[in-house]
Protein backbone atom coordinates (compact mmCIF):
# COMPACT_ATOMS: atom_id res chain seq x y z
CA GLU A 1 -2.18 -18.40 -18.64
CA ALA A 2 -0.48 -19.04 -15.22
CA TYR A 3 -0.88 -15.93 -12.77
CA PRO A 4 1.49 -15.96 -9.36
CA ALA A 5 -0.56 -15.46 -6.37
CA ASN A 6 -2.34 -11.89 -5.33
CA THR A 7 -1.48 -10.39 -9.47
CA PRO A 8 -4.42 -8.32 -10.60
CA ILE A 9 -5.88 -10.03 -13.32
CA GLU A 10 -8.15 -8.77 -16.11
CA ALA A 11 -10.38 -10.76 -18.67
CA VAL A 12 -12.58 -8.91 -21.12
CA VAL A 13 -15.76 -10.30 -22.18
CA THR A 14 -17.90 -8.79 -25.54
CA VAL A 15 -21.50 -9.78 -26.84
CA SER A 16 -22.71 -10.42 -29.88
CA SER A 17 -26.16 -10.27 -30.72
CA GLU A 18 -26.44 -12.20 -33.99
CA GLY A 19 -28.06 -10.31 -35.83
CA ASN A 20 -30.72 -10.04 -32.99
CA PRO A 21 -30.36 -6.54 -31.27
CA ASP A 22 -33.65 -6.69 -30.15
CA MET A 23 -33.47 -9.82 -27.87
CA LEU A 24 -34.22 -8.97 -24.17
CA CYS A 25 -31.23 -11.01 -22.56
CA GLY A 26 -29.61 -11.05 -19.05
CA ALA A 27 -26.08 -12.87 -17.78
CA SER A 28 -25.32 -15.00 -14.95
CA TYR A 29 -22.08 -16.28 -13.99
CA VAL A 30 -20.10 -19.51 -12.16
CA VAL A 31 -17.18 -19.38 -10.68
CA THR A 32 -15.28 -22.36 -9.68
CA LYS A 33 -12.46 -23.81 -8.38
CA ASP A 34 -10.76 -27.08 -8.91
CA GLY A 35 -13.67 -27.71 -10.50
CA GLN A 36 -15.36 -27.16 -7.43
CA PRO A 37 -18.26 -24.39 -6.75
CA ILE A 38 -17.19 -21.33 -4.65
CA GLU A 39 -19.71 -20.01 -1.70
CA ASN A 40 -18.05 -17.12 -1.00
CA ILE A 41 -15.28 -15.23 -3.33
CA SER A 42 -13.81 -13.64 -0.46
CA ASP A 43 -11.98 -16.83 0.92
CA TYR A 44 -10.18 -16.86 -2.06
CA GLY A 45 -9.43 -13.33 -3.32
CA THR A 46 -11.73 -10.29 -4.92
CA LEU A 47 -13.98 -10.50 -8.45
CA SER A 48 -15.37 -7.86 -9.68
CA TYR A 49 -17.06 -6.49 -13.01
CA SER A 50 -17.10 -2.64 -15.29
CA VAL A 51 -19.51 -2.43 -18.01
CA ARG A 52 -19.50 1.51 -19.33
CA LEU A 53 -23.18 2.31 -20.25
CA SER A 54 -22.30 5.51 -21.45
CA ASP A 55 -19.95 7.94 -22.45
CA ASN A 56 -17.42 7.97 -19.98
CA ASN A 57 -20.20 6.53 -17.48
CA VAL A 58 -18.98 2.83 -16.26
CA VAL A 59 -20.28 1.09 -13.90
CA GLU A 60 -18.35 -1.27 -11.64
CA LYS A 61 -19.70 -4.06 -9.22
CA ASN A 62 -18.15 -6.60 -6.83
CA VAL A 63 -19.06 -10.14 -7.17
CA THR A 64 -19.22 -11.56 -3.73
CA THR A 65 -20.77 -15.20 -3.88
CA GLY A 66 -19.61 -17.72 -6.71
CA SER A 67 -22.47 -17.95 -8.63
CA GLY A 68 -25.15 -14.96 -10.36
CA THR A 69 -25.74 -12.75 -12.28
CA ILE A 70 -24.45 -9.59 -14.31
CA ALA A 71 -26.68 -6.84 -12.68
CA PRO A 72 -24.53 -3.39 -12.88
CA GLU A 73 -26.81 -0.72 -11.41
CA ILE A 74 -27.73 2.54 -12.91
CA ILE A 75 -29.57 5.71 -12.02
CA TYR A 76 -32.28 6.06 -14.03
CA ASP A 77 -35.25 9.55 -13.88
CA GLY A 78 -34.15 9.50 -10.31
CA ASN A 79 -34.19 6.23 -9.23
CA THR A 80 -31.95 3.51 -8.93
CA TYR A 81 -32.34 0.63 -10.81
CA SER A 82 -30.25 -3.06 -11.31
CA ILE A 83 -29.92 -3.70 -14.87
CA GLY A 84 -30.89 -7.44 -14.61
CA ALA A 85 -31.93 -7.74 -18.47
CA PHE A 86 -30.84 -6.18 -21.58
CA THR A 87 -31.85 -5.71 -25.22
CA LEU A 88 -28.51 -6.78 -27.08
CA GLY A 89 -28.18 -4.12 -28.90
CA ILE A 90 -26.65 -2.01 -25.91
CA PHE A 91 -23.70 -4.36 -25.99
CA ASP A 92 -23.47 -5.27 -29.79
CA THR A 93 -20.80 -6.04 -31.87
CA TYR A 94 -22.34 -7.98 -34.77
CA CYS A 95 -24.82 -5.19 -35.66
CA ILE A 96 -22.49 -2.49 -34.59
CA ASN A 97 -19.85 -2.34 -32.38
CA ARG A 98 -21.37 -0.72 -29.40
CA ASN A 99 -17.71 -0.87 -27.56
CA ARG A 100 -19.37 -1.82 -24.40
CA PRO A 101 -17.38 -5.16 -22.94
CA ILE A 102 -17.82 -6.51 -19.44
CA THR A 103 -14.26 -6.05 -17.74
CA PHE A 104 -13.91 -8.55 -15.18
CA ASN A 105 -10.99 -7.86 -12.80
CA ALA A 106 -9.52 -10.40 -10.15
CA ASN A 107 -6.99 -11.24 -7.41
CA PHE A 108 -7.27 -14.43 -6.12
CA SER A 109 -4.25 -15.47 -3.55
CA GLN A 110 -5.20 -18.95 -3.23
CA LEU A 111 -3.56 -21.35 -5.71
CA GLY A 112 -5.89 -23.40 -8.12
CA THR A 113 -7.53 -23.36 -11.13
CA TYR A 114 -10.49 -20.95 -11.51
CA THR A 115 -12.82 -21.33 -14.18
CA VAL A 116 -15.59 -18.05 -14.15
CA GLU A 117 -18.32 -19.27 -16.71
CA MET A 118 -20.75 -16.72 -18.04
CA ASN A 119 -24.28 -17.76 -19.52
CA LEU A 120 -26.74 -15.39 -21.89
CA LEU A 121 -29.90 -15.54 -20.97
CA SER A 122 -33.24 -15.18 -23.10
CA CYS A 123 -35.63 -13.38 -20.87
CA ALA A 124 -39.88 -13.92 -21.27
CA ASN A 125 -40.21 -10.03 -20.44
CA SER A 126 -43.70 -8.44 -21.80
CA THR A 127 -42.54 -6.39 -25.23
CA GLU A 128 -45.06 -4.10 -24.20
CA THR A 129 -43.51 -0.81 -22.88
CA ASP A 130 -46.09 1.60 -21.92
CA PRO A 131 -45.70 2.09 -18.23
CA ALA A 132 -49.50 2.65 -17.97
CA ALA A 133 -50.22 -0.43 -20.04
CA LEU A 134 -47.95 -2.49 -18.36
CA TYR A 135 -49.48 -0.94 -14.93
CA LEU A 136 -53.18 -2.03 -16.38
CA ALA A 137 -51.72 -5.45 -17.25
CA GLY A 138 -50.93 -6.32 -13.58
CA ILE A 139 -47.20 -7.24 -14.54
CA PRO A 140 -44.84 -6.38 -11.74
CA GLU A 141 -42.68 -3.54 -12.02
CA ASP A 142 -39.36 -5.10 -11.72
CA GLU A 143 -40.34 -6.68 -15.03
CA TRP A 144 -41.42 -3.44 -17.22
CA MET A 145 -38.80 -3.01 -19.65
CA LEU A 146 -37.36 0.46 -20.11
CA SER A 147 -36.21 2.47 -22.25
CA LEU A 148 -32.86 4.34 -21.42
CA GLY A 149 -33.28 6.90 -24.39
CA THR A 150 -30.86 6.33 -26.85
CA SER A 151 -30.91 4.19 -29.73
CA PHE A 152 -28.94 2.90 -32.64
CA VAL A 153 -28.46 2.10 -35.95
CA ASP A 154 -27.55 -1.36 -37.22
CA VAL A 155 -25.12 -0.25 -39.63
CA ASN A 156 -23.93 -4.07 -40.33
CA CYS A 157 -27.64 -5.63 -40.10
CA GLY A 158 -30.09 -3.73 -42.54
CA GLY A 159 -29.61 0.01 -41.25
CA GLU A 160 -32.89 0.22 -39.17
CA GLU A 161 -32.53 2.55 -35.79
CA HIS A 162 -33.11 0.19 -32.38
CA ILE A 163 -33.96 1.42 -28.95
CA ASP A 164 -32.05 0.57 -25.83
CA TYR A 165 -34.06 -1.01 -23.19
CA ILE A 166 -33.61 -2.69 -20.08
CA ALA A 167 -35.29 -4.44 -17.09
CA GLN A 168 -34.49 -5.00 -13.57
CA THR A 169 -35.30 -8.82 -13.82
CA CYS A 170 -34.90 -11.66 -16.34
CA LYS A 171 -38.00 -12.79 -16.36
CA ASN A 172 -38.10 -17.46 -16.54
CA PRO A 173 -34.27 -17.04 -17.92
CA THR A 174 -33.42 -19.49 -20.30
CA ILE A 175 -29.67 -20.67 -21.21
CA ILE A 176 -28.71 -19.27 -24.78
CA THR A 177 -25.16 -20.41 -24.85
CA THR A 178 -22.27 -20.54 -22.25
CA GLN A 179 -18.94 -19.27 -22.42
CA SER A 180 -15.75 -19.67 -20.06
CA PHE A 181 -12.21 -18.98 -19.30
CA ASP A 182 -9.57 -20.30 -16.65
CA ILE A 183 -7.42 -18.23 -14.57
CA LEU A 184 -4.28 -20.69 -13.30
CA VAL A 185 -3.13 -18.75 -9.82
CA VAL A 186 0.74 -20.39 -8.95
CA PRO A 187 2.95 -19.35 -6.79
CA ALA A 188 5.05 -16.29 -7.20
CA ALA A 189 8.53 -16.69 -8.90
CA PRO A 190 11.67 -17.02 -6.51
CA GLU A 191 13.59 -13.46 -6.41
CA PHE A 192 17.33 -13.36 -5.83
CA SER A 193 19.08 -11.15 -3.27
CA VAL A 194 21.64 -10.06 -5.13
CA GLU A 195 21.05 -8.27 -8.95
CA PRO A 196 22.66 -10.50 -11.67
CA GLY A 197 25.35 -9.38 -13.38
CA GLU A 198 29.12 -8.68 -12.92
CA GLN A 199 30.13 -8.83 -9.44
CA GLY A 200 33.19 -6.99 -7.64
CA ALA A 201 33.25 -10.25 -5.00
CA PRO A 202 32.19 -13.17 -4.43
CA ILE A 203 28.79 -13.22 -3.79
CA ASN A 204 26.22 -15.22 -1.52
CA LEU A 205 23.25 -15.44 -3.25
CA ALA A 206 19.73 -15.77 -1.12
CA ILE A 207 16.26 -17.18 -3.33
CA THR A 208 13.14 -16.01 -1.45
CA CYS A 209 9.61 -16.98 -2.39
CA ALA A 210 6.45 -15.11 -1.77
CA THR A 211 3.89 -17.63 -1.72
CA PRO A 212 4.30 -19.32 1.88
CA ASP A 213 5.48 -23.26 2.41
CA ALA A 214 6.27 -22.88 -1.33
CA VAL A 215 9.39 -25.33 -1.91
CA VAL A 216 12.15 -23.72 -4.24
CA TYR A 217 14.08 -25.73 -6.89
CA TYR A 218 17.35 -24.42 -8.47
CA THR A 219 20.39 -25.11 -10.75
CA THR A 220 23.31 -23.87 -11.89
CA ASP A 221 24.38 -25.73 -14.58
CA GLY A 222 22.29 -23.67 -17.02
CA THR A 223 19.75 -26.59 -17.00
CA THR A 224 16.00 -25.80 -16.48
CA PRO A 225 15.07 -26.83 -12.67
CA THR A 226 12.29 -29.42 -12.53
CA GLU A 227 11.41 -30.93 -8.71
CA GLU A 228 14.27 -33.44 -9.47
CA SER A 229 16.68 -30.27 -8.94
CA ALA A 230 18.67 -29.30 -6.02
CA VAL A 231 16.38 -27.48 -3.38
CA TYR A 232 17.38 -24.52 -1.79
CA SER A 233 18.27 -24.45 1.69
CA GLU A 234 20.44 -22.07 2.00
CA PRO A 235 22.38 -19.18 0.31
CA LEU A 236 24.15 -20.03 -2.74
CA ALA A 237 28.57 -19.28 -2.53
CA ILE A 238 29.28 -17.99 -5.51
CA SER A 239 32.31 -16.49 -7.09
CA ALA A 240 32.97 -17.21 -10.79
CA THR A 241 30.49 -17.01 -13.55
CA THR A 242 27.37 -18.94 -13.50
CA THR A 243 23.92 -18.72 -14.02
CA VAL A 244 21.00 -19.58 -11.75
CA LYS A 245 17.66 -20.76 -12.72
CA ALA A 246 15.04 -21.59 -9.83
CA ILE A 247 11.36 -22.27 -9.86
CA ALA A 248 9.04 -22.42 -6.80
CA VAL A 249 5.93 -25.37 -6.53
CA LYS A 250 3.45 -25.80 -4.76
CA ASN A 251 0.09 -28.09 -4.71
CA SER A 252 1.56 -29.27 -7.66
CA LEU A 253 1.27 -26.01 -9.02
CA THR A 254 4.61 -24.33 -10.54
CA SER A 255 6.10 -20.95 -10.53
CA ALA A 256 7.71 -19.11 -13.47
CA MET A 257 11.00 -19.48 -13.74
CA THR A 258 13.58 -16.72 -12.43
CA GLU A 259 16.77 -16.67 -13.94
CA GLY A 260 20.30 -14.43 -13.63
CA THR A 261 23.69 -14.73 -14.85
CA TYR A 262 26.60 -13.59 -12.32
CA THR A 263 30.22 -12.96 -13.56
CA PHE A 264 33.57 -11.91 -12.09
CA PRO A 265 36.53 -10.65 -12.99
CA ILE A 266 40.13 -12.29 -12.76
CA PHE A 267 41.02 -12.29 -8.99
CA VAL A 268 44.93 -11.76 -8.95
CA GLU A 269 46.84 -10.95 -5.51
CA ASN A 270 49.27 -8.99 -7.35
CA ILE A 271 51.06 -7.58 -9.95
CA ALA A 272 53.05 -10.81 -11.60
CA ALA A 273 49.77 -12.56 -11.60
CA ILE A 274 48.78 -10.39 -13.92
CA TYR A 275 51.37 -10.79 -16.05
CA ALA A 276 51.35 -14.83 -15.86
CA LEU A 277 47.61 -14.83 -17.30
CA GLU A 278 48.59 -12.15 -19.99
CA ASN A 279 47.10 -14.55 -22.34
CA THR A 280 44.12 -14.98 -20.86
CA THR A 281 40.91 -12.91 -21.06
CA GLY A 282 38.60 -10.63 -19.11
CA ASN A 283 38.39 -8.23 -16.29
CA TYR A 284 41.22 -8.45 -13.47
CA LYS A 285 40.86 -7.42 -9.98
CA LEU A 286 43.78 -7.16 -8.24
CA THR A 287 43.53 -7.65 -4.47
CA GLY A 288 46.85 -6.51 -3.16
CA ASP A 289 47.90 -3.33 -2.46
CA VAL A 290 49.59 -1.04 -5.18
CA THR A 291 51.79 2.22 -5.40
CA PHE A 292 50.64 5.08 -7.43
CA VAL A 293 53.26 6.37 -9.30
CA PHE A 294 52.57 8.96 -11.44
CA ARG A 295 49.47 9.91 -14.06
CA ASN A 296 50.25 11.46 -17.22
CA GLY A 297 46.66 11.98 -18.74
CA LYS A 298 44.81 9.06 -19.14
CA ASN A 299 47.92 6.79 -18.30
CA ILE A 300 48.29 5.69 -14.72
CA TYR A 301 51.68 3.39 -13.49
CA VAL A 302 51.15 1.86 -10.55
CA LYS A 303 53.95 -0.81 -8.98
CA ASP A 304 54.45 -3.23 -6.39
CA ALA A 305 56.69 -5.57 -5.09
CA THR A 306 56.60 -7.70 -8.04
CA GLY A 307 56.67 -6.02 -10.81
CA GLY A 308 55.12 -2.27 -12.33
CA LEU A 309 52.13 -1.80 -14.32
CA LEU A 310 50.64 0.69 -16.90
CA VAL A 311 46.23 0.98 -16.36
CA PHE A 312 44.92 3.02 -19.43
CA ASP A 313 42.06 5.14 -17.23
CA GLN A 314 39.62 5.95 -20.24
CA ASN A 315 36.94 7.27 -18.36
CA ASN A 316 39.20 9.20 -15.58
CA ILE A 317 37.68 6.91 -12.83
CA ILE A 318 40.79 6.21 -10.69
CA THR A 319 41.03 9.36 -8.30
CA THR A 320 44.41 8.84 -6.32
């Protein structure tokens, strides 16, 4: 799906334990643009992710580099921990739906195709969960598995109870599976200076595009514009019913199409010209002056030098 530059984009990633909710795993990401690695996300826009850990406690973290680990921070027992590893059951949608998707929010200003690759990693942390035993075994604290104090019953995988564990780091990570999604950032759609619809007088329609240096192509014959269509350079003079369609192109990337139909009344100079077009269906606009004769309810009588006219003022909008 294509998105205009500087548009908020949301992508939701879910985790499936595939029946292994107690498996300790981590997650990493890689972001590329047009197939090339990104060093600093800020050179292209912004990227962040958020995770609901418990109840309505949503943790959000900005992504600053083009690759790294998904490691939200939490306060546990008075200390701040970065969750570098977790048992799959915490985010599971397979044995039980924990309703904890990982939500990415992106807003890119540079045009191109961004690919966000997500890797699910297996971790080799010790399965021992007693802090005293871990300490005596000489296992570094950042590799400890800590209980979150929450648990769940795997209603779809046998009905057993499982405790949620986390660790600050994922030891010896190995990729289990990889998923990715693309974000295509294209020029902003053209904007018309006049709102489509019926116009009371001829218009000069200006077409603009918020993307710098984008080229706008347009048609006025109802066809879909391409790079072979007319290039917009100055306002379009429109005085008869016309459908205008426009696209913006930059770096071979094409925006969404903007279109609008502009309709006009039939312009006549005097009352005699109206009678001459009596078999023509449409709205008329009398450009010359007329003299008000009198009103009888909703009927208004006017005249000029060429004839007289009865106007039915259904909504009482004529005030003179």
